[in-house]
Amino acid sequence: MDEWFKKYFSEQWVEVENNVIDFEKHEPISTSNSLHIYEERYCIDGDTYRLLYAIGDSSEPLIEKLK
């Protein structure tokens, strides 16, 4: 099996409520998209976060933190 595939799907994320982090003050370390989802990843104070946006939807993104 492809190493990228194993790494990507073995990551464990937990949803977080964002009351503190202003992601606009930080640069994403990576961005990607598919047909339906746009993803931005950030490394902030040693923790990795990802913001998931549904393409074509203007609601707030889902925010998750890497375990």
C-alpha atoms as a PDB file:
ATOM      1  CA  MET A   1       0.000   0.000   0.000  1.00  0.00           C
ATOM      2  CA  ASP A   2       1.222   3.497  -0.783  1.00  0.00           C
ATOM      3  CA  GLU A   3       3.023   5.143   2.195  1.00  0.00           C
ATOM      4  CA  TRP A   4       1.174   8.438   1.670  1.00  0.00           C
ATOM      5  CA  PHE A   5      -2.145   6.608   1.827  1.00  0.00           C
ATOM      6  CA  LYS A   6      -1.187   4.859   5.064  1.00  0.00           C
ATOM      7  CA  LYS A   7       0.024   8.070   6.687  1.00  0.00           C
ATOM      8  CA  TYR A   8      -2.973  10.136   5.608  1.00  0.00           C
ATOM      9  CA  PHE A   9      -5.592   7.657   6.744  1.00  0.00           C
ATOM     10  CA  SER A  10      -3.827   6.663   9.968  1.00  0.00           C
ATOM     11  CA  GLU A  11      -3.930  10.223  11.326  1.00  0.00           C
ATOM     12  CA  GLN A  12      -6.379  10.681  14.170  1.00  0.00           C
ATOM     13  CA  TRP A  13      -8.162  14.001  14.452  1.00  0.00           C
ATOM     14  CA  VAL A  14     -10.460  15.364  17.137  1.00  0.00           C
ATOM     15  CA  GLU A  15     -12.940  18.176  16.550  1.00  0.00           C
ATOM     16  CA  VAL A  16     -12.273  21.324  18.562  1.00  0.00           C
ATOM     17  CA  GLU A  17     -14.221  24.453  19.312  1.00  0.00           C
ATOM     18  CA  ASN A  18     -12.230  27.516  18.310  1.00  0.00           C
ATOM     19  CA  ASN A  19     -12.560  30.242  20.894  1.00  0.00           C
ATOM     20  CA  VAL A  20      -8.926  31.334  20.973  1.00  0.00           C
ATOM     21  CA  ILE A  21      -7.021  30.864  17.701  1.00  0.00           C
ATOM     22  CA  ASP A  22      -7.270  33.492  14.987  1.00  0.00           C
ATOM     23  CA  PHE A  23      -6.249  31.427  11.964  1.00  0.00           C
ATOM     24  CA  GLU A  24      -6.087  34.561   9.802  1.00  0.00           C
ATOM     25  CA  LYS A  25      -2.942  35.586  11.709  1.00  0.00           C
ATOM     26  CA  HIS A  26      -1.164  32.374  10.634  1.00  0.00           C
ATOM     27  CA  GLU A  27      -0.009  30.973   7.306  1.00  0.00           C
ATOM     28  CA  PRO A  28      -1.168  27.456   6.426  1.00  0.00           C
ATOM     29  CA  ILE A  29       1.572  24.830   6.204  1.00  0.00           C
ATOM     30  CA  SER A  30      -0.420  23.058   3.485  1.00  0.00           C
ATOM     31  CA  THR A  31      -3.613  23.338   1.475  1.00  0.00           C
ATOM     32  CA  SER A  32      -5.458  20.785  -0.618  1.00  0.00           C
ATOM     33  CA  ASN A  33      -8.836  20.201  -2.167  1.00  0.00           C
ATOM     34  CA  SER A  34     -11.014  17.561  -3.700  1.00  0.00           C
ATOM     35  CA  LEU A  35     -14.361  17.706  -5.445  1.00  0.00           C
ATOM     36  CA  HIS A  36     -16.161  18.594  -2.233  1.00  0.00           C
ATOM     37  CA  ILE A  37     -13.664  19.652   0.447  1.00  0.00           C
ATOM     38  CA  TYR A  38     -10.993  22.336   0.797  1.00  0.00           C
ATOM     39  CA  GLU A  39      -8.431  21.749   3.572  1.00  0.00           C
ATOM     40  CA  GLU A  40      -5.935  24.082   5.240  1.00  0.00           C
ATOM     41  CA  ARG A  41      -3.426  22.804   7.811  1.00  0.00           C
ATOM     42  CA  TYR A  42      -1.703  24.954  10.399  1.00  0.00           C
ATOM     43  CA  CYS A  43       1.065  24.292  12.918  1.00  0.00           C
ATOM     44  CA  ILE A  44       0.466  26.544  15.924  1.00  0.00           C
ATOM     45  CA  ASP A  45       2.429  26.254  19.169  1.00  0.00           C
ATOM     46  CA  GLY A  46       3.507  22.729  18.240  1.00  0.00           C
ATOM     47  CA  ASP A  47      -0.016  21.478  17.506  1.00  0.00           C
ATOM     48  CA  THR A  48      -1.373  20.690  14.044  1.00  0.00           C
ATOM     49  CA  TYR A  49      -4.856  21.877  13.117  1.00  0.00           C
ATOM     50  CA  ARG A  50      -6.872  21.462   9.968  1.00  0.00           C
ATOM     51  CA  LEU A  51      -9.779  23.514   8.739  1.00  0.00           C
ATOM     52  CA  LEU A  52     -12.202  21.721   6.430  1.00  0.00           C
ATOM     53  CA  TYR A  53     -14.482  23.755   4.192  1.00  0.00           C
ATOM     54  CA  ALA A  54     -17.262  22.322   2.072  1.00  0.00           C
ATOM     55  CA  ILE A  55     -16.766  23.741  -1.419  1.00  0.00           C
ATOM     56  CA  GLY A  56     -19.707  25.928  -2.377  1.00  0.00           C
ATOM     57  CA  ASP A  57     -20.847  26.325   1.248  1.00  0.00           C
ATOM     58  CA  SER A  58     -20.260  29.596   3.095  1.00  0.00           C
ATOM     59  CA  SER A  59     -20.629  28.211   6.626  1.00  0.00           C
ATOM     60  CA  GLU A  60     -17.787  28.097   9.153  1.00  0.00           C
ATOM     61  CA  PRO A  61     -15.183  25.361   8.633  1.00  0.00           C
ATOM     62  CA  LEU A  62     -14.866  22.242  10.726  1.00  0.00           C
ATOM     63  CA  ILE A  63     -11.777  22.641  12.930  1.00  0.00           C
ATOM     64  CA  GLU A  64      -9.859  19.572  14.023  1.00  0.00           C
ATOM     65  CA  LYS A  65      -6.647  18.980  15.981  1.00  0.00           C
ATOM     66  CA  LEU A  66      -4.238  16.123  15.329  1.00  0.00           C
ATOM     67  CA  LYS A  67      -4.059  13.779  18.317  1.00  0.00           C
END
